[in-house]
Amino acid sequence: MAIKVIFFLVSLGAVMSQYTSPPEPYGEEEPQGPAQYSFKYDVNDPDSEVNFDHGEKRDGPQAQGSYSVKLPDSRVQRVTYTVDGDSGYVAEVTYEGNPSPSPSYGQA
């Protein structure tokens, strides 16, 4: 009986060691260094009047980009921004077009 218990504990230890060891890496490791990327997308649906875009480019600690959105009053709000390391996010906000009267939602 004691041999069965010892065999069971040794087997259990072997099985458990498979789950406590660190996982093996898959493929090559990711490159280390400063982040570099760029992206841009646009959404324009005339039926729902949804219209916005966003783009950004990053090279290490510096990033710059812009995004815009069509507002309910028909103006376009555009935000152009920069980020330079730890100096923070600096944005410039501009508006294009003239506001039109907003629709009366929920009124009969």
PDB file of N, CA and C in Angstrom:
ATOM      1  N   MET A   1       0.832  -1.192   0.000  1.00  0.00           N
ATOM      2  CA  MET A   1       0.000   0.000   0.000  1.00  0.00           C
ATOM      3  C   MET A   1       0.875   1.253   0.000  1.00  0.00           C
ATOM      4  N   ALA A   2       1.942   1.262   0.808  1.00  0.00           N
ATOM      5  CA  ALA A   2       2.834   2.422   0.885  1.00  0.00           C
ATOM      6  C   ALA A   2       3.503   2.673  -0.454  1.00  0.00           C
ATOM      7  N   ILE A   3       3.839   1.609  -1.188  1.00  0.00           N
ATOM      8  CA  ILE A   3       4.485   1.774  -2.492  1.00  0.00           C
ATOM      9  C   ILE A   3       3.508   2.427  -3.475  1.00  0.00           C
ATOM     10  N   LYS A   4       2.215   2.060  -3.393  1.00  0.00           N
ATOM     11  CA  LYS A   4       1.214   2.652  -4.266  1.00  0.00           C
ATOM     12  C   LYS A   4       1.063   4.148  -3.978  1.00  0.00           C
ATOM     13  N   VAL A   5       1.090   4.526  -2.695  1.00  0.00           N
ATOM     14  CA  VAL A   5       0.964   5.932  -2.311  1.00  0.00           C
ATOM     15  C   VAL A   5       2.175   6.709  -2.805  1.00  0.00           C
ATOM     16  N   ILE A   6       3.376   6.152  -2.633  1.00  0.00           N
ATOM     17  CA  ILE A   6       4.597   6.830  -3.086  1.00  0.00           C
ATOM     18  C   ILE A   6       4.571   6.980  -4.600  1.00  0.00           C
ATOM     19  N   PHE A   7       4.192   5.924  -5.320  1.00  0.00           N
ATOM     20  CA  PHE A   7       4.108   5.974  -6.784  1.00  0.00           C
ATOM     21  C   PHE A   7       3.098   7.043  -7.218  1.00  0.00           C
ATOM     22  N   PHE A   8       1.954   7.120  -6.524  1.00  0.00           N
ATOM     23  CA  PHE A   8       0.931   8.111  -6.842  1.00  0.00           C
ATOM     24  C   PHE A   8       1.469   9.524  -6.643  1.00  0.00           C
ATOM     25  N   LEU A   9       2.165   9.770  -5.525  1.00  0.00           N
ATOM     26  CA  LEU A   9       2.685  11.106  -5.243  1.00  0.00           C
ATOM     27  C   LEU A   9       3.761  11.512  -6.249  1.00  0.00           C
ATOM     28  N   VAL A  10       4.626  10.560  -6.637  1.00  0.00           N
ATOM     29  CA  VAL A  10       5.661  10.857  -7.632  1.00  0.00           C
ATOM     30  C   VAL A  10       5.003  11.173  -8.975  1.00  0.00           C
ATOM     31  N   SER A  11       3.998  10.403  -9.362  1.00  0.00           N
ATOM     32  CA  SER A  11       3.288  10.644 -10.620  1.00  0.00           C
ATOM     33  C   SER A  11       2.579  11.992 -10.593  1.00  0.00           C
ATOM     34  N   LEU A  12       1.951  12.291  -9.467  1.00  0.00           N
ATOM     35  CA  LEU A  12       1.269  13.571  -9.328  1.00  0.00           C
ATOM     36  C   LEU A  12       2.269  14.717  -9.439  1.00  0.00           C
ATOM     37  N   GLY A  13       3.424  14.589  -8.828  1.00  0.00           N
ATOM     38  CA  GLY A  13       4.461  15.622  -8.914  1.00  0.00           C
ATOM     39  C   GLY A  13       4.936  15.830 -10.337  1.00  0.00           C
ATOM     40  N   ALA A  14       5.091  14.751 -11.096  1.00  0.00           N
ATOM     41  CA  ALA A  14       5.523  14.857 -12.491  1.00  0.00           C
ATOM     42  C   ALA A  14       4.475  15.574 -13.336  1.00  0.00           C
ATOM     43  N   VAL A  15       3.218  15.260 -13.095  1.00  0.00           N
ATOM     44  CA  VAL A  15       2.144  15.908 -13.852  1.00  0.00           C
ATOM     45  C   VAL A  15       2.063  17.380 -13.478  1.00  0.00           C
ATOM     46  N   MET A  16       2.140  17.719 -12.213  1.00  0.00           N
ATOM     47  CA  MET A  16       2.028  19.106 -11.759  1.00  0.00           C
ATOM     48  C   MET A  16       3.189  19.949 -12.244  1.00  0.00           C
ATOM     49  N   SER A  17       4.373  19.363 -12.399  1.00  0.00           N
ATOM     50  CA  SER A  17       5.524  20.145 -12.852  1.00  0.00           C
ATOM     51  C   SER A  17       5.322  20.657 -14.271  1.00  0.00           C
ATOM     52  N   GLN A  18       4.504  20.002 -15.069  1.00  0.00           N
ATOM     53  CA  GLN A  18       4.220  20.473 -16.417  1.00  0.00           C
ATOM     54  C   GLN A  18       3.449  21.797 -16.389  1.00  0.00           C
ATOM     55  N   TYR A  19       2.669  22.015 -15.343  1.00  0.00           N
ATOM     56  CA  TYR A  19       1.833  23.212 -15.264  1.00  0.00           C
ATOM     57  C   TYR A  19       2.476  24.344 -14.492  1.00  0.00           C
ATOM     58  N   THR A  20       3.581  24.114 -13.820  1.00  0.00           N
ATOM     59  CA  THR A  20       4.210  25.163 -13.045  1.00  0.00           C
ATOM     60  C   THR A  20       5.459  25.714 -13.707  1.00  0.00           C
ATOM     61  N   SER A  21       5.940  25.088 -14.773  1.00  0.00           N
ATOM     62  CA  SER A  21       7.113  25.605 -15.464  1.00  0.00           C
ATOM     63  C   SER A  21       6.668  26.705 -16.424  1.00  0.00           C
ATOM     64  N   PRO A  22       7.554  27.672 -16.718  1.00  0.00           N
ATOM     65  CA  PRO A  22       7.164  28.761 -17.611  1.00  0.00           C
ATOM     66  C   PRO A  22       6.887  28.237 -19.019  1.00  0.00           C
ATOM     67  N   PRO A  23       5.965  28.874 -19.718  1.00  0.00           N
ATOM     68  CA  PRO A  23       5.639  28.419 -21.072  1.00  0.00           C
ATOM     69  C   PRO A  23       6.801  28.662 -22.030  1.00  0.00           C
ATOM     70  N   GLU A  24       6.890  27.837 -23.026  1.00  0.00           N
ATOM     71  CA  GLU A  24       7.900  28.003 -24.063  1.00  0.00           C
ATOM     72  C   GLU A  24       7.461  29.135 -24.992  1.00  0.00           C
ATOM     73  N   PRO A  25       8.406  29.971 -25.438  1.00  0.00           N
ATOM     74  CA  PRO A  25       8.018  31.048 -26.362  1.00  0.00           C
ATOM     75  C   PRO A  25       7.619  30.484 -27.720  1.00  0.00           C
ATOM     76  N   TYR A  26       6.671  31.163 -28.355  1.00  0.00           N
ATOM     77  CA  TYR A  26       6.225  30.766 -29.686  1.00  0.00           C
ATOM     78  C   TYR A  26       7.007  31.570 -30.710  1.00  0.00           C
ATOM     79  N   GLY A  27       7.677  30.916 -31.591  1.00  0.00           N
ATOM     80  CA  GLY A  27       8.395  31.599 -32.667  1.00  0.00           C
ATOM     81  C   GLY A  27       9.490  32.499 -32.126  1.00  0.00           C
ATOM     82  N   GLU A  28       9.804  33.519 -32.909  1.00  0.00           N
ATOM     83  CA  GLU A  28      10.844  34.451 -32.508  1.00  0.00           C
ATOM     84  C   GLU A  28      10.283  35.465 -31.515  1.00  0.00           C
ATOM     85  N   GLU A  29      11.174  35.984 -30.680  1.00  0.00           N
ATOM     86  CA  GLU A  29      10.750  37.004 -29.728  1.00  0.00           C
ATOM     87  C   GLU A  29      10.483  38.309 -30.470  1.00  0.00           C
ATOM     88  N   GLU A  30       9.610  39.130 -29.898  1.00  0.00           N
ATOM     89  CA  GLU A  30       9.295  40.405 -30.507  1.00  0.00           C
ATOM     90  C   GLU A  30      10.512  41.317 -30.447  1.00  0.00           C
ATOM     91  N   PRO A  31      10.708  42.128 -31.477  1.00  0.00           N
ATOM     92  CA  PRO A  31      11.859  43.029 -31.468  1.00  0.00           C
ATOM     93  C   PRO A  31      11.714  44.078 -30.372  1.00  0.00           C
ATOM     94  N   GLN A  32      12.810  44.392 -29.744  1.00  0.00           N
ATOM     95  CA  GLN A  32      12.819  45.412 -28.705  1.00  0.00           C
ATOM     96  C   GLN A  32      13.302  46.720 -29.316  1.00  0.00           C
ATOM     97  N   GLY A  33      12.855  47.824 -28.787  1.00  0.00           N
ATOM     98  CA  GLY A  33      13.267  49.121 -29.289  1.00  0.00           C
ATOM     99  C   GLY A  33      12.103  50.079 -29.288  1.00  0.00           C
ATOM    100  N   PRO A  34      12.340  51.278 -29.802  1.00  0.00           N
ATOM    101  CA  PRO A  34      11.279  52.282 -29.802  1.00  0.00           C
ATOM    102  C   PRO A  34      10.134  51.888 -30.732  1.00  0.00           C
ATOM    103  N   ALA A  35       8.927  52.241 -30.320  1.00  0.00           N
ATOM    104  CA  ALA A  35       7.738  51.926 -31.111  1.00  0.00           C
ATOM    105  C   ALA A  35       7.730  52.759 -32.386  1.00  0.00           C
ATOM    106  N   GLN A  36       7.353  52.124 -33.479  1.00  0.00           N
ATOM    107  CA  GLN A  36       7.204  52.816 -34.759  1.00  0.00           C
ATOM    108  C   GLN A  36       5.972  52.255 -35.454  1.00  0.00           C
ATOM    109  N   TYR A  37       5.038  53.143 -35.791  1.00  0.00           N
ATOM    110  CA  TYR A  37       3.848  52.704 -36.507  1.00  0.00           C
ATOM    111  C   TYR A  37       3.167  53.905 -37.142  1.00  0.00           C
ATOM    112  N   SER A  38       2.255  53.624 -38.034  1.00  0.00           N
ATOM    113  CA  SER A  38       1.373  54.653 -38.567  1.00  0.00           C
ATOM    114  C   SER A  38       0.060  53.974 -38.968  1.00  0.00           C
ATOM    115  N   PHE A  39      -1.037  54.723 -38.868  1.00  0.00           N
ATOM    116  CA  PHE A  39      -2.334  54.199 -39.282  1.00  0.00           C
ATOM    117  C   PHE A  39      -3.236  55.338 -39.713  1.00  0.00           C
ATOM    118  N   LYS A  40      -4.258  54.997 -40.466  1.00  0.00           N
ATOM    119  CA  LYS A  40      -5.273  55.961 -40.870  1.00  0.00           C
ATOM    120  C   LYS A  40      -6.542  55.190 -41.212  1.00  0.00           C
ATOM    121  N   TYR A  41      -7.676  55.744 -40.821  1.00  0.00           N
ATOM    122  CA  TYR A  41      -8.958  55.170 -41.232  1.00  0.00           C
ATOM    123  C   TYR A  41      -9.984  56.280 -41.387  1.00  0.00           C
ATOM    124  N   ASP A  42     -10.966  56.009 -42.221  1.00  0.00           N
ATOM    125  CA  ASP A  42     -12.066  56.939 -42.484  1.00  0.00           C
ATOM    126  C   ASP A  42     -13.373  56.172 -42.435  1.00  0.00           C
ATOM    127  N   VAL A  43     -14.406  56.809 -41.909  1.00  0.00           N
ATOM    128  CA  VAL A  43     -15.755  56.248 -41.918  1.00  0.00           C
ATOM    129  C   VAL A  43     -16.675  57.331 -42.463  1.00  0.00           C
ATOM    130  N   ASN A  44     -17.426  56.998 -43.505  1.00  0.00           N
ATOM    131  CA  ASN A  44     -18.351  57.961 -44.093  1.00  0.00           C
ATOM    132  C   ASN A  44     -19.590  57.200 -44.554  1.00  0.00           C
ATOM    133  N   ASP A  45     -20.694  57.398 -43.852  1.00  0.00           N
ATOM    134  CA  ASP A  45     -21.962  56.749 -44.192  1.00  0.00           C
ATOM    135  C   ASP A  45     -23.009  57.842 -44.401  1.00  0.00           C
ATOM    136  N   PRO A  46     -23.262  58.207 -45.659  1.00  0.00           N
ATOM    137  CA  PRO A  46     -24.214  59.298 -45.926  1.00  0.00           C
ATOM    138  C   PRO A  46     -25.618  59.033 -45.392  1.00  0.00           C
ATOM    139  N   ASP A  47     -26.061  57.779 -45.376  1.00  0.00           N
ATOM    140  CA  ASP A  47     -27.414  57.485 -44.899  1.00  0.00           C
ATOM    141  C   ASP A  47     -27.603  57.868 -43.436  1.00  0.00           C
ATOM    142  N   SER A  48     -26.603  57.566 -42.602  1.00  0.00           N
ATOM    143  CA  SER A  48     -26.713  57.888 -41.179  1.00  0.00           C
ATOM    144  C   SER A  48     -26.003  59.191 -40.823  1.00  0.00           C
ATOM    145  N   GLU A  49     -25.375  59.807 -41.811  1.00  0.00           N
ATOM    146  CA  GLU A  49     -24.607  61.040 -41.635  1.00  0.00           C
ATOM    147  C   GLU A  49     -23.444  60.875 -40.664  1.00  0.00           C
ATOM    148  N   VAL A  50     -22.928  59.660 -40.531  1.00  0.00           N
ATOM    149  CA  VAL A  50     -21.741  59.409 -39.713  1.00  0.00           C
ATOM    150  C   VAL A  50     -20.526  59.675 -40.586  1.00  0.00           C
ATOM    151  N   ASN A  51     -19.638  60.528 -40.091  1.00  0.00           N
ATOM    152  CA  ASN A  51     -18.457  60.891 -40.863  1.00  0.00           C
ATOM    153  C   ASN A  51     -17.327  61.245 -39.894  1.00  0.00           C
ATOM    154  N   PHE A  52     -16.292  60.417 -39.836  1.00  0.00           N
ATOM    155  CA  PHE A  52     -15.141  60.722 -38.986  1.00  0.00           C
ATOM    156  C   PHE A  52     -13.897  60.032 -39.533  1.00  0.00           C
ATOM    157  N   ASP A  53     -12.749  60.493 -39.085  1.00  0.00           N
ATOM    158  CA  ASP A  53     -11.487  59.887 -39.501  1.00  0.00           C
ATOM    159  C   ASP A  53     -10.456  60.047 -38.386  1.00  0.00           C
ATOM    160  N   HIS A  54      -9.377  59.283 -38.489  1.00  0.00           N
ATOM    161  CA  HIS A  54      -8.302  59.341 -37.508  1.00  0.00           C
ATOM    162  C   HIS A  54      -7.037  58.821 -38.173  1.00  0.00           C
ATOM    163  N   GLY A  55      -5.931  59.461 -37.901  1.00  0.00           N
ATOM    164  CA  GLY A  55      -4.636  59.014 -38.401  1.00  0.00           C
ATOM    165  C   GLY A  55      -3.563  59.388 -37.403  1.00  0.00           C
ATOM    166  N   GLU A  56      -2.536  58.556 -37.305  1.00  0.00           N
ATOM    167  CA  GLU A  56      -1.445  58.831 -36.367  1.00  0.00           C
ATOM    168  C   GLU A  56      -0.165  58.201 -36.886  1.00  0.00           C
ATOM    169  N   LYS A  57       0.948  58.849 -36.578  1.00  0.00           N
ATOM    170  CA  LYS A  57       2.269  58.331 -36.916  1.00  0.00           C
ATOM    171  C   LYS A  57       3.137  58.462 -35.667  1.00  0.00           C
ATOM    172  N   ARG A  58       3.839  57.375 -35.326  1.00  0.00           N
ATOM    173  CA  ARG A  58       4.695  57.386 -34.142  1.00  0.00           C
ATOM    174  C   ARG A  58       6.086  56.894 -34.505  1.00  0.00           C
ATOM    175  N   ASP A  59       7.084  57.574 -33.965  1.00  0.00           N
ATOM    176  CA  ASP A  59       8.473  57.171 -34.117  1.00  0.00           C
ATOM    177  C   ASP A  59       9.141  57.361 -32.763  1.00  0.00           C
ATOM    178  N   GLY A  60       9.237  56.280 -32.004  1.00  0.00           N
ATOM    179  CA  GLY A  60       9.804  56.363 -30.655  1.00  0.00           C
ATOM    180  C   GLY A  60       8.875  57.125 -29.736  1.00  0.00           C
ATOM    181  N   PRO A  61       9.411  58.095 -28.978  1.00  0.00           N
ATOM    182  CA  PRO A  61       8.562  58.820 -28.024  1.00  0.00           C
ATOM    183  C   PRO A  61       7.736  59.936 -28.655  1.00  0.00           C
ATOM    184  N   GLN A  62       7.958  60.228 -29.944  1.00  0.00           N
ATOM    185  CA  GLN A  62       7.196  61.287 -30.611  1.00  0.00           C
ATOM    186  C   GLN A  62       6.052  60.681 -31.414  1.00  0.00           C
ATOM    187  N   ALA A  63       4.899  61.324 -31.297  1.00  0.00           N
ATOM    188  CA  ALA A  63       3.729  60.921 -32.085  1.00  0.00           C
ATOM    189  C   ALA A  63       3.021  62.174 -32.561  1.00  0.00           C
ATOM    190  N   GLN A  64       2.397  62.066 -33.717  1.00  0.00           N
ATOM    191  CA  GLN A  64       1.584  63.165 -34.224  1.00  0.00           C
ATOM    192  C   GLN A  64       0.414  62.577 -34.980  1.00  0.00           C
ATOM    193  N   GLY A  65      -0.694  63.294 -34.927  1.00  0.00           N
ATOM    194  CA  GLY A  65      -1.866  62.770 -35.608  1.00  0.00           C
ATOM    195  C   GLY A  65      -2.987  63.776 -35.623  1.00  0.00           C
ATOM    196  N   SER A  66      -4.104  63.329 -36.172  1.00  0.00           N
ATOM    197  CA  SER A  66      -5.296  64.170 -36.195  1.00  0.00           C
ATOM    198  C   SER A  66      -6.526  63.279 -36.314  1.00  0.00           C
ATOM    199  N   TYR A  67      -7.643  63.827 -35.877  1.00  0.00           N
ATOM    200  CA  TYR A  67      -8.921  63.152 -36.069  1.00  0.00           C
ATOM    201  C   TYR A  67      -9.992  64.216 -36.245  1.00  0.00           C
ATOM    202  N   SER A  68     -11.054  63.829 -36.914  1.00  0.00           N
ATOM    203  CA  SER A  68     -12.150  64.770 -37.120  1.00  0.00           C
ATOM    204  C   SER A  68     -13.466  64.023 -37.029  1.00  0.00           C
ATOM    205  N   VAL A  69     -14.504  64.780 -36.712  1.00  0.00           N
ATOM    206  CA  VAL A  69     -15.840  64.201 -36.603  1.00  0.00           C
ATOM    207  C   VAL A  69     -16.860  65.261 -37.017  1.00  0.00           C
ATOM    208  N   LYS A  70     -17.893  64.804 -37.721  1.00  0.00           N
ATOM    209  CA  LYS A  70     -18.979  65.705 -38.082  1.00  0.00           C
ATOM    210  C   LYS A  70     -19.901  65.835 -36.884  1.00  0.00           C
ATOM    211  N   LEU A  71     -20.130  67.062 -36.452  1.00  0.00           N
ATOM    212  CA  LEU A  71     -20.965  67.329 -35.277  1.00  0.00           C
ATOM    213  C   LEU A  71     -22.441  67.402 -35.659  1.00  0.00           C
ATOM    214  N   PRO A  72     -23.334  67.254 -34.677  1.00  0.00           N
ATOM    215  CA  PRO A  72     -24.776  67.320 -34.969  1.00  0.00           C
ATOM    216  C   PRO A  72     -25.213  68.650 -35.584  1.00  0.00           C
ATOM    217  N   ASP A  73     -24.462  69.733 -35.343  1.00  0.00           N
ATOM    218  CA  ASP A  73     -24.841  71.028 -35.920  1.00  0.00           C
ATOM    219  C   ASP A  73     -24.240  71.225 -37.313  1.00  0.00           C
ATOM    220  N   SER A  74     -23.738  70.160 -37.913  1.00  0.00           N
ATOM    221  CA  SER A  74     -23.190  70.064 -39.277  1.00  0.00           C
ATOM    222  C   SER A  74     -21.770  70.613 -39.420  1.00  0.00           C
ATOM    223  N   ARG A  75     -21.169  71.138 -38.367  1.00  0.00           N
ATOM    224  CA  ARG A  75     -19.770  71.542 -38.440  1.00  0.00           C
ATOM    225  C   ARG A  75     -18.874  70.305 -38.360  1.00  0.00           C
ATOM    226  N   VAL A  76     -17.615  70.457 -38.734  1.00  0.00           N
ATOM    227  CA  VAL A  76     -16.619  69.404 -38.577  1.00  0.00           C
ATOM    228  C   VAL A  76     -15.617  69.868 -37.542  1.00  0.00           C
ATOM    229  N   GLN A  77     -15.440  69.071 -36.503  1.00  0.00           N
ATOM    230  CA  GLN A  77     -14.440  69.362 -35.467  1.00  0.00           C
ATOM    231  C   GLN A  77     -13.180  68.588 -35.835  1.00  0.00           C
ATOM    232  N   ARG A  78     -12.048  69.288 -35.929  1.00  0.00           N
ATOM    233  CA  ARG A  78     -10.776  68.658 -36.252  1.00  0.00           C
ATOM    234  C   ARG A  78      -9.801  68.898 -35.104  1.00  0.00           C
ATOM    235  N   VAL A  79      -9.158  67.829 -34.668  1.00  0.00           N
ATOM    236  CA  VAL A  79      -8.164  67.901 -33.603  1.00  0.00           C
ATOM    237  C   VAL A  79      -6.840  67.428 -34.186  1.00  0.00           C
ATOM    238  N   THR A  80      -5.836  68.277 -34.105  1.00  0.00           N
ATOM    239  CA  THR A  80      -4.481  67.926 -34.525  1.00  0.00           C
ATOM    240  C   THR A  80      -3.637  67.913 -33.260  1.00  0.00           C
ATOM    241  N   TYR A  81      -2.858  66.848 -33.056  1.00  0.00           N
ATOM    242  CA  TYR A  81      -2.133  66.708 -31.798  1.00  0.00           C
ATOM    243  C   TYR A  81      -0.711  66.206 -32.017  1.00  0.00           C
ATOM    244  N   THR A  82       0.108  66.470 -30.997  1.00  0.00           N
ATOM    245  CA  THR A  82       1.471  65.943 -30.942  1.00  0.00           C
ATOM    246  C   THR A  82       1.727  65.436 -29.534  1.00  0.00           C
ATOM    247  N   VAL A  83       2.599  64.461 -29.444  1.00  0.00           N
ATOM    248  CA  VAL A  83       3.068  63.947 -28.167  1.00  0.00           C
ATOM    249  C   VAL A  83       4.576  63.822 -28.308  1.00  0.00           C
ATOM    250  N   ASP A  84       5.314  64.398 -27.347  1.00  0.00           N
ATOM    251  CA  ASP A  84       6.768  64.337 -27.405  1.00  0.00           C
ATOM    252  C   ASP A  84       7.286  63.829 -26.068  1.00  0.00           C
ATOM    253  N   GLY A  85       7.464  62.515 -25.966  1.00  0.00           N
ATOM    254  CA  GLY A  85       7.983  61.913 -24.745  1.00  0.00           C
ATOM    255  C   GLY A  85       7.108  62.214 -23.550  1.00  0.00           C
ATOM    256  N   ASP A  86       7.739  62.713 -22.480  1.00  0.00           N
ATOM    257  CA  ASP A  86       7.024  62.988 -21.240  1.00  0.00           C
ATOM    258  C   ASP A  86       6.423  64.389 -21.194  1.00  0.00           C
ATOM    259  N   SER A  87       6.551  65.165 -22.277  1.00  0.00           N
ATOM    260  CA  SER A  87       6.028  66.533 -22.253  1.00  0.00           C
ATOM    261  C   SER A  87       4.514  66.577 -22.350  1.00  0.00           C
ATOM    262  N   GLY A  88       3.888  65.468 -22.717  1.00  0.00           N
ATOM    263  CA  GLY A  88       2.438  65.405 -22.703  1.00  0.00           C
ATOM    264  C   GLY A  88       1.795  65.554 -24.062  1.00  0.00           C
ATOM    265  N   TYR A  89       0.482  65.573 -24.026  1.00  0.00           N
ATOM    266  CA  TYR A  89      -0.381  65.638 -25.200  1.00  0.00           C
ATOM    267  C   TYR A  89      -0.722  67.099 -25.452  1.00  0.00           C
ATOM    268  N   VAL A  90      -0.399  67.594 -26.651  1.00  0.00           N
ATOM    269  CA  VAL A  90      -0.697  68.975 -27.014  1.00  0.00           C
ATOM    270  C   VAL A  90      -1.626  68.938 -28.211  1.00  0.00           C
ATOM    271  N   ALA A  91      -2.815  69.539 -28.048  1.00  0.00           N
ATOM    272  CA  ALA A  91      -3.827  69.468 -29.103  1.00  0.00           C
ATOM    273  C   ALA A  91      -4.250  70.860 -29.547  1.00  0.00           C
ATOM    274  N   GLU A  92      -4.577  70.960 -30.839  1.00  0.00           N
ATOM    275  CA  GLU A  92      -5.163  72.164 -31.398  1.00  0.00           C
ATOM    276  C   GLU A  92      -6.513  71.759 -31.981  1.00  0.00           C
ATOM    277  N   VAL A  93      -7.570  72.430 -31.545  1.00  0.00           N
ATOM    278  CA  VAL A  93      -8.928  72.100 -31.976  1.00  0.00           C
ATOM    279  C   VAL A  93      -9.445  73.220 -32.872  1.00  0.00           C
ATOM    280  N   THR A  94      -9.943  72.848 -34.058  1.00  0.00           N
ATOM    281  CA  THR A  94     -10.521  73.816 -34.985  1.00  0.00           C
ATOM    282  C   THR A  94     -11.882  73.302 -35.444  1.00  0.00           C
ATOM    283  N   TYR A  95     -12.698  74.238 -35.955  1.00  0.00           N
ATOM    284  CA  TYR A  95     -14.028  73.898 -36.457  1.00  0.00           C
ATOM    285  C   TYR A  95     -14.161  74.410 -37.882  1.00  0.00           C
ATOM    286  N   GLU A  96     -14.750  73.583 -38.739  1.00  0.00           N
ATOM    287  CA  GLU A  96     -14.971  73.960 -40.136  1.00  0.00           C
ATOM    288  C   GLU A  96     -16.471  74.043 -40.386  1.00  0.00           C
ATOM    289  N   GLY A  97     -16.884  75.075 -41.120  1.00  0.00           N
ATOM    290  CA  GLY A  97     -18.293  75.248 -41.450  1.00  0.00           C
ATOM    291  C   GLY A  97     -19.010  76.113 -40.440  1.00  0.00           C
ATOM    292  N   ASN A  98     -20.275  76.346 -40.713  1.00  0.00           N
ATOM    293  CA  ASN A  98     -21.119  77.149 -39.832  1.00  0.00           C
ATOM    294  C   ASN A  98     -22.164  76.248 -39.192  1.00  0.00           C
ATOM    295  N   PRO A  99     -22.466  76.498 -37.913  1.00  0.00           N
ATOM    296  CA  PRO A  99     -23.468  75.652 -37.256  1.00  0.00           C
ATOM    297  C   PRO A  99     -24.860  75.901 -37.835  1.00  0.00           C
ATOM    298  N   SER A 100     -25.607  74.837 -37.969  1.00  0.00           N
ATOM    299  CA  SER A 100     -26.993  74.947 -38.374  1.00  0.00           C
ATOM    300  C   SER A 100     -27.844  74.577 -37.184  1.00  0.00           C
ATOM    301  N   PRO A 101     -29.114  74.991 -37.160  1.00  0.00           N
ATOM    302  CA  PRO A 101     -29.969  74.664 -36.012  1.00  0.00           C
ATOM    303  C   PRO A 101     -30.027  73.141 -35.813  1.00  0.00           C
ATOM    304  N   SER A 102     -29.930  72.751 -34.556  1.00  0.00           N
ATOM    305  CA  SER A 102     -29.995  71.330 -34.234  1.00  0.00           C
ATOM    306  C   SER A 102     -31.406  70.822 -34.377  1.00  0.00           C
ATOM    307  N   PRO A 103     -31.577  69.571 -34.826  1.00  0.00           N
ATOM    308  CA  PRO A 103     -32.926  69.017 -34.916  1.00  0.00           C
ATOM    309  C   PRO A 103     -33.531  68.857 -33.522  1.00  0.00           C
ATOM    310  N   SER A 104     -34.844  68.925 -33.437  1.00  0.00           N
ATOM    311  CA  SER A 104     -35.539  68.770 -32.153  1.00  0.00           C
ATOM    312  C   SER A 104     -35.856  67.297 -31.936  1.00  0.00           C
ATOM    313  N   TYR A 105     -35.008  66.628 -31.208  1.00  0.00           N
ATOM    314  CA  TYR A 105     -35.202  65.207 -30.940  1.00  0.00           C
ATOM    315  C   TYR A 105     -36.250  65.015 -29.851  1.00  0.00           C
ATOM    316  N   GLY A 106     -37.105  64.053 -30.055  1.00  0.00           N
ATOM    317  CA  GLY A 106     -38.061  63.663 -29.027  1.00  0.00           C
ATOM    318  C   GLY A 106     -39.287  64.549 -28.929  1.00  0.00           C
ATOM    319  N   GLN A 107     -39.395  65.566 -29.775  1.00  0.00           N
ATOM    320  CA  GLN A 107     -40.573  66.427 -29.707  1.00  0.00           C
ATOM    321  C   GLN A 107     -41.578  65.999 -30.764  1.00  0.00           C
ATOM    322  N   ALA A 108     -42.840  66.111 -30.412  1.00  0.00           N
ATOM    323  CA  ALA A 108     -43.909  65.687 -31.334  1.00  0.00           C
ATOM    324  C   ALA A 108     -44.304  66.784 -32.266  1.00  0.00           C
TER     325      ALA A 108
END
